Protein backbone atom coordinates (compact mmCIF):
# COMPACT_ATOMS: atom_id res chain seq x y z
CA MET A 1 0.12 0.00 -0.15
CA ILE A 2 2.66 2.66 1.11
CA GLY A 3 4.29 1.98 -2.24
CA THR A 4 1.26 2.90 -4.19
CA GLU A 5 0.79 6.08 -2.27
CA ALA A 6 4.05 6.91 -3.29
CA VAL A 7 3.69 6.48 -6.82
CA GLN A 8 0.38 8.08 -6.45
CA ALA A 9 2.01 11.34 -4.62
CA SER A 10 4.82 11.51 -7.15
CA ASP A 11 2.18 11.34 -10.23
CA ASP A 12 0.36 14.26 -8.59
CA GLU A 13 3.69 16.28 -7.97
CA ASP A 14 4.36 15.87 -11.72
CA TRP A 15 0.96 17.05 -12.51
CA PHE A 16 1.11 20.17 -10.47
CA LYS A 17 4.32 20.85 -11.75
CA GLY A 18 3.03 20.69 -15.39
CA ALA A 19 0.27 22.54 -14.98
CA ALA A 20 2.25 25.11 -13.08
CA ARG A 21 4.39 25.50 -16.07
CA ALA A 22 1.46 25.88 -18.64
CA ALA A 23 -0.35 28.46 -16.44
CA GLN A 24 3.26 30.25 -16.08
CA ALA A 25 3.73 29.98 -20.01
CA ALA A 26 -0.18 31.29 -20.85
CA LEU A 27 0.47 34.55 -19.00
CA PRO A 28 1.31 37.54 -20.67
CA GLU A 29 3.52 38.89 -18.25
CA ASN A 30 7.04 37.47 -17.49
CA THR A 31 6.46 34.75 -14.70
CA SER A 32 9.47 32.97 -15.50
CA ASN A 33 11.41 33.78 -11.97
CA ARG A 34 8.45 33.06 -10.13
CA ALA A 35 8.80 29.44 -7.90
CA LEU A 36 6.31 26.97 -9.62
CA GLU A 37 5.06 26.22 -5.95
CA ASP A 38 3.70 30.07 -6.32
CA VAL A 39 2.06 29.94 -9.75
CA VAL A 40 -1.86 30.14 -9.38
CA ILE A 41 -3.32 27.02 -11.45
CA ALA A 42 -7.01 27.41 -10.76
CA SER A 43 -9.38 29.67 -8.44
CA SER A 44 -12.60 28.51 -6.80
CA ALA A 45 -14.96 29.09 -4.32
CA VAL A 46 -16.66 27.08 -1.30
CA SER A 47 -19.74 28.38 0.60
CA GLY A 48 -20.18 26.31 3.69
CA ARG A 49 -19.34 26.02 7.37
CA VAL A 50 -16.12 26.29 9.14
CA THR A 51 -15.34 22.95 10.94
CA ARG A 52 -11.68 23.65 12.00
CA VAL A 53 -9.27 26.46 12.31
CA SER A 54 -5.57 25.95 13.27
CA ARG A 55 -2.77 28.00 12.76
CA ASP A 56 -1.94 27.53 9.35
CA THR A 57 -5.68 26.21 7.79
CA ILE A 58 -8.96 26.42 8.05
CA THR A 59 -11.33 23.68 7.09
CA VAL A 60 -15.03 24.84 5.19
CA ARG A 61 -17.50 21.72 4.61
CA ASP A 62 -19.93 22.56 2.05
CA SER A 63 -23.89 21.80 1.69
CA ASP A 64 -22.73 18.14 -0.11
CA GLY A 65 -20.58 17.43 3.27
CA SER A 66 -17.24 17.77 1.39
CA ASP A 67 -14.11 19.35 3.29
CA TYR A 68 -11.78 21.98 1.95
CA VAL A 69 -8.90 22.50 3.80
CA LEU A 70 -7.68 26.05 2.78
CA THR A 71 -4.02 27.10 3.47
CA LEU A 72 -3.73 30.71 5.29
CA ASP A 73 -0.73 32.58 4.09
CA GLU A 74 -0.13 36.55 4.18
CA ARG A 75 -2.39 37.29 1.20
CA SER A 76 -5.17 35.24 3.20
CA GLN A 77 -7.95 37.95 4.44
CA GLY A 78 -11.39 37.46 6.23
CA VAL A 79 -14.09 40.29 5.97
CA ARG A 80 -17.39 40.55 8.14
CA GLN A 81 -19.61 43.19 7.21
CA GLY A 82 -17.21 45.20 5.31
CA ARG A 83 -14.71 45.02 8.06
CA ARG A 84 -11.46 42.94 7.85
CA VAL A 85 -11.24 40.37 10.61
CA SER A 86 -8.71 37.50 11.58
CA LEU A 87 -9.29 33.99 10.23
CA ARG A 88 -7.49 32.51 12.66
CA GLN A 89 -10.26 33.84 15.23
CA LEU A 90 -12.96 31.90 13.44
CA GLN A 91 -14.85 29.35 15.49
CA ALA A 92 -16.69 26.22 14.21
CA GLY A 93 -19.93 26.27 12.74
CA THR A 94 -19.39 30.10 11.37
CA PRO A 95 -20.93 30.09 7.70
CA VAL A 96 -18.32 31.35 5.18
CA ARG A 97 -17.73 31.89 1.51
CA ALA A 98 -14.33 31.43 0.75
CA ARG A 99 -12.44 32.57 -2.51
CA PHE A 100 -9.25 30.51 -2.91
CA VAL A 101 -6.41 29.56 -5.04
CA LEU A 102 -4.64 26.34 -6.08
CA MET A 103 -0.87 26.38 -5.93
CA GLY A 104 1.68 24.21 -5.76
CA GLY A 105 -0.53 21.28 -4.78
CA ARG A 106 -2.57 23.52 -1.76
CA SER A 107 -5.80 25.23 -1.87
CA VAL A 108 -4.75 28.78 -0.41
CA ALA A 109 -7.77 31.19 0.99
CA ARG A 110 -8.01 34.55 -0.54
CA ASP A 111 -11.18 36.35 0.38
CA VAL A 112 -13.20 34.50 3.15
CA ARG A 113 -16.77 36.43 3.17
CA ILE A 114 -18.11 35.57 7.03
CA ARG A 115 -22.24 35.23 6.39
CA ARG A 116 -24.69 35.76 9.09
């Protein structure tokens, strides 16, 4: 089983690197000096409730029961009623709409809007 997981992890890493190279090549500006782990491959959003908050991540569960583990970085921001709030202070059960980007195999939070 471990061998299969190692092969899958290697395949995933190769896919992310290939996707990052393609995204980098498609950009009009010169991004060749940017590390592949920092190239945005895709963006999306999820609506749901926070189920877990840690120092580096928040987990959002959507209405289908799927969990999205979103990495927090210096560009991640939370907004409640037009005001910035700390994402690390969110509590389980808080309804949110989170925009995120896929970079280097990670889903990285960008704008997290706290809903009522």
